[in-house]
Amino acid sequence: MLAMDNEKTPATGKSILIVEDETDLADLICYNLEREGYECRCIAAGNLVLDEVRRARPDLILLDRMLPGLSGDEIVAHLKKNPATSGIPIILLTAKAEESDQLVGFALGADDYVTKPFSMKVLLARVTAMLRRVESGLPVDDVMEAGPLRLSTSHHQVTLNGEPVPLTATEFRLLAALMKAQGRVMDRARLIDTVLGSETIVTDRTIDVHVTAVRRKLKSAAEWVQTVRGVGYTFRPPAKSPARKT
């Protein structure tokens, strides 16, 4: 078992919702997070999560994928479809370690993925890194506009023709990174470092899944996010279709 010291870190002001039906594991996670200065709440059933999030919005959710009531996948889908909760970062906890399972989790909108059994030190590092990435991103007053899209960091919001686009925290960082590059091509490795962090071990396909999700949500503006084959992605005005000859 992980050795625990007796000194408690000062409060961070960040709240974490732990959704885990294994009581002993939930208690252990909560104990270690609280020693790092986080405020924790624990829930053991999936059908209670949505009401709890509405009651008191957490800064991050640690979510077991296999739960009684609603599954972790269903919870992610509900939270990420709602603009009021789509920006809450979610780290999935699961025994499913196959790459295909991870890609499904990312496709649903999860921001990170930790497989069981895991080291408590690793989990704490992933939580810290996720909250740091959410906080850093772009300057607070940074607003970028391109065509029908407007991205506001201060409101953590993207709008399409004035209507909110419900992006996850990871999707928001991805779109922001591409827009900030102002037409320059970003390769997958650089996007992984910028969006997910250099300490996160993922495949190139992970970025591809997130790009696909962003395009789907951008609807009519999807063509602004362009693939540069063999390199990566860029954000540019879509090419105009050639005029038909009459």
C-alpha atoms as a PDB file:
ATOM      1  CA  MET A   1       0.000   0.000   0.000  1.00  0.00           C
ATOM      2  CA  LEU A   2       1.129   3.548  -0.675  1.00  0.00           C
ATOM      3  CA  ALA A   3       2.896   5.126   2.268  1.00  0.00           C
ATOM      4  CA  MET A   4       1.244   8.309   3.455  1.00  0.00           C
ATOM      5  CA  ASP A   5       2.988  11.106   5.351  1.00  0.00           C
ATOM      6  CA  ASN A   6       1.374  13.002   8.189  1.00  0.00           C
ATOM      7  CA  GLU A   7       1.652  16.504   6.782  1.00  0.00           C
ATOM      8  CA  LYS A   8      -1.426  17.917   5.069  1.00  0.00           C
ATOM      9  CA  THR A   9      -1.092  20.338   2.164  1.00  0.00           C
ATOM     10  CA  PRO A  10      -2.928  23.689   2.508  1.00  0.00           C
ATOM     11  CA  ALA A  11      -6.343  23.801   0.844  1.00  0.00           C
ATOM     12  CA  THR A  12      -6.311  24.374  -2.913  1.00  0.00           C
ATOM     13  CA  GLY A  13      -9.870  25.680  -3.103  1.00  0.00           C
ATOM     14  CA  LYS A  14     -10.630  22.970  -5.706  1.00  0.00           C
ATOM     15  CA  SER A  15     -13.454  20.463  -5.269  1.00  0.00           C
ATOM     16  CA  ILE A  16     -13.413  16.947  -6.701  1.00  0.00           C
ATOM     17  CA  LEU A  17     -16.393  14.631  -7.084  1.00  0.00           C
ATOM     18  CA  ILE A  18     -15.422  10.954  -6.775  1.00  0.00           C
ATOM     19  CA  VAL A  19     -17.908   8.564  -8.367  1.00  0.00           C
ATOM     20  CA  GLU A  20     -16.839   5.040  -7.389  1.00  0.00           C
ATOM     21  CA  ASP A  21     -18.895   2.101  -6.088  1.00  0.00           C
ATOM     22  CA  GLU A  22     -15.919   0.355  -4.465  1.00  0.00           C
ATOM     23  CA  THR A  23     -16.143   1.985  -1.032  1.00  0.00           C
ATOM     24  CA  ASP A  24     -12.605   1.144   0.096  1.00  0.00           C
ATOM     25  CA  LEU A  25     -11.102   2.552  -3.111  1.00  0.00           C
ATOM     26  CA  ALA A  26     -13.259   5.682  -2.961  1.00  0.00           C
ATOM     27  CA  ASP A  27     -12.215   6.292   0.647  1.00  0.00           C
ATOM     28  CA  LEU A  28      -8.528   5.802  -0.221  1.00  0.00           C
ATOM     29  CA  ILE A  29      -8.737   8.211  -3.160  1.00  0.00           C
ATOM     30  CA  CYS A  30     -10.584  10.770  -1.044  1.00  0.00           C
ATOM     31  CA  TYR A  31      -8.058  10.475   1.798  1.00  0.00           C
ATOM     32  CA  ASN A  32      -5.102  11.093  -0.497  1.00  0.00           C
ATOM     33  CA  LEU A  33      -6.757  13.950  -2.374  1.00  0.00           C
ATOM     34  CA  GLU A  34      -7.727  15.685   0.853  1.00  0.00           C
ATOM     35  CA  ARG A  35      -4.120  15.397   2.036  1.00  0.00           C
ATOM     36  CA  GLU A  36      -3.182  17.289  -1.138  1.00  0.00           C
ATOM     37  CA  GLY A  37      -5.583  20.085  -0.188  1.00  0.00           C
ATOM     38  CA  TYR A  38      -8.589  19.162  -2.331  1.00  0.00           C
ATOM     39  CA  GLU A  39     -12.182  19.117  -1.109  1.00  0.00           C
ATOM     40  CA  CYS A  40     -13.814  15.770  -1.938  1.00  0.00           C
ATOM     41  CA  ARG A  41     -17.315  14.352  -2.182  1.00  0.00           C
ATOM     42  CA  CYS A  42     -18.050  10.673  -2.876  1.00  0.00           C
ATOM     43  CA  ILE A  43     -20.984   9.053  -4.685  1.00  0.00           C
ATOM     44  CA  ALA A  44     -21.423   5.301  -5.200  1.00  0.00           C
ATOM     45  CA  ALA A  45     -24.328   5.198  -7.689  1.00  0.00           C
ATOM     46  CA  GLY A  46     -24.424   6.641 -11.191  1.00  0.00           C
ATOM     47  CA  ASN A  47     -28.038   7.779 -11.026  1.00  0.00           C
ATOM     48  CA  LEU A  48     -27.144  10.274  -8.254  1.00  0.00           C
ATOM     49  CA  VAL A  49     -24.363  12.059 -10.136  1.00  0.00           C
ATOM     50  CA  LEU A  50     -26.304  14.507 -12.309  1.00  0.00           C
ATOM     51  CA  ASP A  51     -28.311  15.879  -9.378  1.00  0.00           C
ATOM     52  CA  GLU A  52     -25.145  16.203  -7.278  1.00  0.00           C
ATOM     53  CA  VAL A  53     -23.346  18.116 -10.040  1.00  0.00           C
ATOM     54  CA  ARG A  54     -26.312  20.491 -10.365  1.00  0.00           C
ATOM     55  CA  ARG A  55     -26.383  20.951  -6.579  1.00  0.00           C
ATOM     56  CA  ALA A  56     -22.692  21.821  -6.287  1.00  0.00           C
ATOM     57  CA  ARG A  57     -20.547  22.032  -9.425  1.00  0.00           C
ATOM     58  CA  PRO A  58     -17.155  20.342  -8.891  1.00  0.00           C
ATOM     59  CA  ASP A  59     -13.885  21.480 -10.445  1.00  0.00           C
ATOM     60  CA  LEU A  60     -13.144  17.912 -11.593  1.00  0.00           C
ATOM     61  CA  ILE A  61     -14.867  14.523 -11.627  1.00  0.00           C
ATOM     62  CA  LEU A  62     -13.163  11.160 -11.070  1.00  0.00           C
ATOM     63  CA  LEU A  63     -15.629   8.748 -12.636  1.00  0.00           C
ATOM     64  CA  ASP A  64     -15.699   4.967 -12.497  1.00  0.00           C
ATOM     65  CA  ARG A  65     -16.885   3.573 -15.814  1.00  0.00           C
ATOM     66  CA  MET A  66     -18.812   0.586 -14.388  1.00  0.00           C
ATOM     67  CA  LEU A  67     -21.454   1.835 -11.951  1.00  0.00           C
ATOM     68  CA  PRO A  68     -24.884   0.800 -10.665  1.00  0.00           C
ATOM     69  CA  GLY A  69     -27.663   2.981 -12.071  1.00  0.00           C
ATOM     70  CA  LEU A  70     -26.242   5.088 -14.891  1.00  0.00           C
ATOM     71  CA  SER A  71     -22.930   3.876 -16.316  1.00  0.00           C
ATOM     72  CA  GLY A  72     -19.906   6.129 -16.457  1.00  0.00           C
ATOM     73  CA  ASP A  73     -20.296   6.379 -20.228  1.00  0.00           C
ATOM     74  CA  GLU A  74     -23.902   7.569 -19.879  1.00  0.00           C
ATOM     75  CA  ILE A  75     -22.889  10.148 -17.274  1.00  0.00           C
ATOM     76  CA  VAL A  76     -20.116  11.529 -19.506  1.00  0.00           C
ATOM     77  CA  ALA A  77     -22.554  11.802 -22.421  1.00  0.00           C
ATOM     78  CA  HIS A  78     -25.132  13.668 -20.300  1.00  0.00           C
ATOM     79  CA  LEU A  79     -22.612  16.102 -18.798  1.00  0.00           C
ATOM     80  CA  LYS A  80     -20.796  16.866 -22.037  1.00  0.00           C
ATOM     81  CA  LYS A  81     -23.993  17.538 -23.999  1.00  0.00           C
ATOM     82  CA  ASN A  82     -25.078  20.198 -21.496  1.00  0.00           C
ATOM     83  CA  PRO A  83     -23.306  23.575 -22.026  1.00  0.00           C
ATOM     84  CA  ALA A  84     -23.620  24.261 -18.273  1.00  0.00           C
ATOM     85  CA  THR A  85     -21.509  21.199 -17.386  1.00  0.00           C
ATOM     86  CA  SER A  86     -19.513  20.438 -20.548  1.00  0.00           C
ATOM     87  CA  GLY A  87     -16.463  22.331 -19.257  1.00  0.00           C
ATOM     88  CA  ILE A  88     -16.045  20.154 -16.152  1.00  0.00           C
ATOM     89  CA  PRO A  89     -12.966  17.932 -16.720  1.00  0.00           C
ATOM     90  CA  ILE A  90     -13.657  14.214 -16.291  1.00  0.00           C
ATOM     91  CA  ILE A  91     -11.072  11.519 -15.604  1.00  0.00           C
ATOM     92  CA  LEU A  92     -12.424   8.022 -16.190  1.00  0.00           C
ATOM     93  CA  LEU A  93     -11.349   5.229 -13.822  1.00  0.00           C
ATOM     94  CA  THR A  94     -11.719   1.791 -15.358  1.00  0.00           C
ATOM     95  CA  ALA A  95     -10.394  -1.742 -15.512  1.00  0.00           C
ATOM     96  CA  LYS A  96     -10.769  -1.686 -19.310  1.00  0.00           C
ATOM     97  CA  ALA A  97      -7.228  -1.155 -20.560  1.00  0.00           C
ATOM     98  CA  GLU A  98      -7.547  -1.792 -24.300  1.00  0.00           C
ATOM     99  CA  GLU A  99      -6.761   1.146 -26.603  1.00  0.00           C
ATOM    100  CA  SER A 100     -10.202   0.790 -28.219  1.00  0.00           C
ATOM    101  CA  ASP A 101     -11.851   1.259 -24.814  1.00  0.00           C
ATOM    102  CA  GLN A 102      -9.801   4.389 -24.200  1.00  0.00           C
ATOM    103  CA  LEU A 103     -10.759   5.810 -27.583  1.00  0.00           C
ATOM    104  CA  VAL A 104     -14.440   5.193 -26.799  1.00  0.00           C
ATOM    105  CA  GLY A 105     -14.017   7.071 -23.530  1.00  0.00           C
ATOM    106  CA  PHE A 106     -12.350  10.012 -25.268  1.00  0.00           C
ATOM    107  CA  ALA A 107     -14.961   9.991 -28.026  1.00  0.00           C
ATOM    108  CA  LEU A 108     -17.708  10.320 -25.402  1.00  0.00           C
ATOM    109  CA  GLY A 109     -15.981  13.422 -24.040  1.00  0.00           C
ATOM    110  CA  ALA A 110     -13.763  12.199 -21.189  1.00  0.00           C
ATOM    111  CA  ASP A 111     -10.663  14.362 -20.690  1.00  0.00           C
ATOM    112  CA  ASP A 112      -8.338  11.672 -19.325  1.00  0.00           C
ATOM    113  CA  TYR A 113      -8.332   7.955 -18.615  1.00  0.00           C
ATOM    114  CA  VAL A 114      -6.698   6.000 -15.754  1.00  0.00           C
ATOM    115  CA  THR A 115      -6.771   2.203 -15.759  1.00  0.00           C
ATOM    116  CA  LYS A 116      -7.146   0.035 -12.654  1.00  0.00           C
ATOM    117  CA  PRO A 117      -5.150  -0.942 -10.725  1.00  0.00           C
ATOM    118  CA  PHE A 118      -3.325   2.363 -10.551  1.00  0.00           C
ATOM    119  CA  SER A 119      -0.685   3.986  -8.402  1.00  0.00           C
ATOM    120  CA  MET A 120      -2.132   6.648  -6.112  1.00  0.00           C
ATOM    121  CA  LYS A 121       0.837   8.862  -6.939  1.00  0.00           C
ATOM    122  CA  VAL A 122       0.003   8.584 -10.638  1.00  0.00           C
ATOM    123  CA  LEU A 123      -3.652   9.446 -10.034  1.00  0.00           C
ATOM    124  CA  LEU A 124      -2.720  12.484  -7.937  1.00  0.00           C
ATOM    125  CA  ALA A 125      -0.320  13.634 -10.657  1.00  0.00           C
ATOM    126  CA  ARG A 126      -3.008  13.269 -13.332  1.00  0.00           C
ATOM    127  CA  VAL A 127      -5.517  15.243 -11.232  1.00  0.00           C
ATOM    128  CA  THR A 128      -2.990  18.025 -10.619  1.00  0.00           C
ATOM    129  CA  ALA A 129      -1.971  18.115 -14.282  1.00  0.00           C
ATOM    130  CA  MET A 130      -5.594  18.216 -15.467  1.00  0.00           C
ATOM    131  CA  LEU A 131      -6.529  21.106 -13.170  1.00  0.00           C
ATOM    132  CA  ARG A 132      -3.348  22.957 -14.145  1.00  0.00           C
ATOM    133  CA  ARG A 133      -4.136  22.561 -17.847  1.00  0.00           C
ATOM    134  CA  VAL A 134      -7.690  23.796 -17.341  1.00  0.00           C
ATOM    135  CA  GLU A 135      -6.422  26.843 -15.460  1.00  0.00           C
ATOM    136  CA  SER A 136      -3.554  27.714 -17.800  1.00  0.00           C
ATOM    137  CA  GLY A 137      -4.796  27.422 -21.386  1.00  0.00           C
ATOM    138  CA  LEU A 138      -4.883  30.966 -22.815  1.00  0.00           C
ATOM    139  CA  PRO A 139      -4.725  34.413 -21.165  1.00  0.00           C
ATOM    140  CA  VAL A 140      -7.887  35.230 -19.228  1.00  0.00           C
ATOM    141  CA  ASP A 141      -8.952  38.085 -21.479  1.00  0.00           C
ATOM    142  CA  ASP A 142      -8.148  36.293 -24.759  1.00  0.00           C
ATOM    143  CA  VAL A 143     -10.991  36.317 -27.295  1.00  0.00           C
ATOM    144  CA  MET A 144     -10.551  34.955 -30.802  1.00  0.00           C
ATOM    145  CA  GLU A 145     -12.973  35.242 -33.697  1.00  0.00           C
ATOM    146  CA  ALA A 146     -12.898  33.568 -37.106  1.00  0.00           C
ATOM    147  CA  GLY A 147     -15.800  33.411 -39.524  1.00  0.00           C
ATOM    148  CA  PRO A 148     -18.893  32.299 -37.595  1.00  0.00           C
ATOM    149  CA  LEU A 149     -16.839  31.175 -34.561  1.00  0.00           C
ATOM    150  CA  ARG A 150     -15.984  33.100 -31.408  1.00  0.00           C
ATOM    151  CA  LEU A 151     -13.864  31.634 -28.597  1.00  0.00           C
ATOM    152  CA  SER A 152     -13.790  33.354 -25.205  1.00  0.00           C
ATOM    153  CA  THR A 153     -11.350  32.072 -22.594  1.00  0.00           C
ATOM    154  CA  SER A 154     -12.740  34.233 -19.803  1.00  0.00           C
ATOM    155  CA  HIS A 155     -16.148  32.584 -20.259  1.00  0.00           C
ATOM    156  CA  HIS A 156     -14.656  29.249 -21.406  1.00  0.00           C
ATOM    157  CA  GLN A 157     -17.154  29.345 -24.253  1.00  0.00           C
ATOM    158  CA  VAL A 158     -17.245  28.838 -28.000  1.00  0.00           C
ATOM    159  CA  THR A 159     -20.159  30.165 -30.022  1.00  0.00           C
ATOM    160  CA  LEU A 160     -21.207  29.407 -33.594  1.00  0.00           C
ATOM    161  CA  ASN A 161     -23.265  32.223 -35.114  1.00  0.00           C
ATOM    162  CA  GLY A 162     -23.965  33.355 -31.555  1.00  0.00           C
ATOM    163  CA  GLU A 163     -25.112  29.942 -30.313  1.00  0.00           C
ATOM    164  CA  PRO A 164     -23.048  28.109 -27.637  1.00  0.00           C
ATOM    165  CA  VAL A 165     -21.075  25.045 -28.754  1.00  0.00           C
ATOM    166  CA  PRO A 166     -20.873  22.463 -25.900  1.00  0.00           C
ATOM    167  CA  LEU A 167     -17.189  21.506 -26.043  1.00  0.00           C
ATOM    168  CA  THR A 168     -15.440  19.461 -23.360  1.00  0.00           C
ATOM    169  CA  ALA A 169     -12.439  20.992 -21.577  1.00  0.00           C
ATOM    170  CA  THR A 170     -10.062  19.022 -23.822  1.00  0.00           C
ATOM    171  CA  GLU A 171     -11.962  19.929 -26.994  1.00  0.00           C
ATOM    172  CA  PHE A 172     -11.930  23.584 -25.959  1.00  0.00           C
ATOM    173  CA  ARG A 173      -8.146  23.535 -25.479  1.00  0.00           C
ATOM    174  CA  LEU A 174      -7.711  21.784 -28.834  1.00  0.00           C
ATOM    175  CA  LEU A 175      -9.767  24.348 -30.744  1.00  0.00           C
ATOM    176  CA  ALA A 176      -8.101  27.210 -28.854  1.00  0.00           C
ATOM    177  CA  ALA A 177      -4.625  25.882 -29.710  1.00  0.00           C
ATOM    178  CA  LEU A 178      -5.503  25.587 -33.406  1.00  0.00           C
ATOM    179  CA  MET A 179      -7.104  29.038 -33.542  1.00  0.00           C
ATOM    180  CA  LYS A 180      -4.183  30.611 -31.687  1.00  0.00           C
ATOM    181  CA  ALA A 181      -1.756  29.134 -34.254  1.00  0.00           C
ATOM    182  CA  GLN A 182      -3.360  31.454 -36.841  1.00  0.00           C
ATOM    183  CA  GLY A 183      -3.148  29.117 -39.806  1.00  0.00           C
ATOM    184  CA  ARG A 184       0.140  27.450 -38.901  1.00  0.00           C
ATOM    185  CA  VAL A 185       0.119  23.641 -39.033  1.00  0.00           C
ATOM    186  CA  MET A 186       0.387  21.847 -35.682  1.00  0.00           C
ATOM    187  CA  ASP A 187       1.619  18.268 -35.754  1.00  0.00           C
ATOM    188  CA  ARG A 188       0.000  15.630 -33.572  1.00  0.00           C
ATOM    189  CA  ALA A 189       2.893  15.453 -31.101  1.00  0.00           C
ATOM    190  CA  ARG A 190       2.720  19.193 -30.459  1.00  0.00           C
ATOM    191  CA  LEU A 191      -1.060  19.073 -30.083  1.00  0.00           C
ATOM    192  CA  ILE A 192      -0.761  16.236 -27.569  1.00  0.00           C
ATOM    193  CA  ASP A 193       1.734  18.280 -25.505  1.00  0.00           C
ATOM    194  CA  THR A 194      -0.380  21.455 -25.747  1.00  0.00           C
ATOM    195  CA  VAL A 195      -3.801  19.933 -25.188  1.00  0.00           C
ATOM    196  CA  LEU A 196      -3.191  16.845 -23.046  1.00  0.00           C
ATOM    197  CA  GLY A 197       0.199  17.628 -21.499  1.00  0.00           C
ATOM    198  CA  SER A 198       3.634  16.149 -22.120  1.00  0.00           C
ATOM    199  CA  GLU A 199       3.251  13.814 -19.128  1.00  0.00           C
ATOM    200  CA  THR A 200       0.204  12.109 -20.671  1.00  0.00           C
ATOM    201  CA  ILE A 201       0.927   8.893 -22.570  1.00  0.00           C
ATOM    202  CA  VAL A 202      -1.480   8.608 -25.502  1.00  0.00           C
ATOM    203  CA  THR A 203      -1.404   7.629 -29.166  1.00  0.00           C
ATOM    204  CA  ASP A 204      -1.714   9.949 -32.156  1.00  0.00           C
ATOM    205  CA  ARG A 205      -5.184   8.493 -32.707  1.00  0.00           C
ATOM    206  CA  THR A 206      -6.318  10.094 -29.449  1.00  0.00           C
ATOM    207  CA  ILE A 207      -5.922  13.562 -30.982  1.00  0.00           C
ATOM    208  CA  ASP A 208      -7.699  12.341 -34.116  1.00  0.00           C
ATOM    209  CA  VAL A 209     -10.689  11.280 -31.996  1.00  0.00           C
ATOM    210  CA  HIS A 210     -10.832  14.689 -30.307  1.00  0.00           C
ATOM    211  CA  VAL A 211     -10.572  16.493 -33.659  1.00  0.00           C
ATOM    212  CA  THR A 212     -13.450  14.396 -35.017  1.00  0.00           C
ATOM    213  CA  ALA A 213     -15.554  15.311 -31.979  1.00  0.00           C
ATOM    214  CA  VAL A 214     -14.761  19.032 -32.385  1.00  0.00           C
ATOM    215  CA  ARG A 215     -15.699  18.956 -36.064  1.00  0.00           C
ATOM    216  CA  ARG A 216     -18.962  17.207 -35.305  1.00  0.00           C
ATOM    217  CA  LYS A 217     -19.914  19.866 -32.774  1.00  0.00           C
ATOM    218  CA  LEU A 218     -18.867  22.763 -35.028  1.00  0.00           C
ATOM    219  CA  LYS A 219     -21.431  21.586 -37.610  1.00  0.00           C
ATOM    220  CA  SER A 220     -21.448  24.121 -40.464  1.00  0.00           C
ATOM    221  CA  ALA A 221     -18.032  25.445 -39.399  1.00  0.00           C
ATOM    222  CA  ALA A 222     -16.391  21.994 -39.290  1.00  0.00           C
ATOM    223  CA  GLU A 223     -14.343  22.691 -42.435  1.00  0.00           C
ATOM    224  CA  TRP A 224     -12.349  25.378 -40.589  1.00  0.00           C
ATOM    225  CA  VAL A 225     -10.473  22.546 -38.822  1.00  0.00           C
ATOM    226  CA  GLN A 226      -8.417  21.054 -41.637  1.00  0.00           C
ATOM    227  CA  THR A 227      -6.238  17.967 -41.893  1.00  0.00           C
ATOM    228  CA  VAL A 228      -2.747  18.308 -43.349  1.00  0.00           C
ATOM    229  CA  ARG A 229      -2.042  14.745 -44.424  1.00  0.00           C
ATOM    230  CA  GLY A 230       1.032  13.182 -42.900  1.00  0.00           C
ATOM    231  CA  VAL A 231       1.582  16.162 -40.591  1.00  0.00           C
ATOM    232  CA  GLY A 232      -1.313  17.220 -38.379  1.00  0.00           C
ATOM    233  CA  TYR A 233      -4.013  19.887 -38.306  1.00  0.00           C
ATOM    234  CA  THR A 234      -4.553  23.571 -38.939  1.00  0.00           C
ATOM    235  CA  PHE A 235      -7.356  26.129 -38.532  1.00  0.00           C
ATOM    236  CA  ARG A 236      -8.026  28.082 -41.736  1.00  0.00           C
ATOM    237  CA  PRO A 237     -10.971  29.398 -43.740  1.00  0.00           C
ATOM    238  CA  PRO A 238     -12.422  26.585 -45.842  1.00  0.00           C
ATOM    239  CA  ALA A 239     -11.577  26.644 -49.535  1.00  0.00           C
ATOM    240  CA  LYS A 240     -14.347  28.052 -51.670  1.00  0.00           C
ATOM    241  CA  SER A 241     -16.044  25.625 -54.005  1.00  0.00           C
ATOM    242  CA  PRO A 242     -15.295  26.411 -57.663  1.00  0.00           C
ATOM    243  CA  ALA A 243     -18.112  28.253 -59.386  1.00  0.00           C
ATOM    244  CA  ARG A 244     -20.176  26.196 -61.764  1.00  0.00           C
ATOM    245  CA  LYS A 245     -19.994  27.050 -65.435  1.00  0.00           C
ATOM    246  CA  THR A 246     -23.287  27.931 -67.048  1.00  0.00           C
END
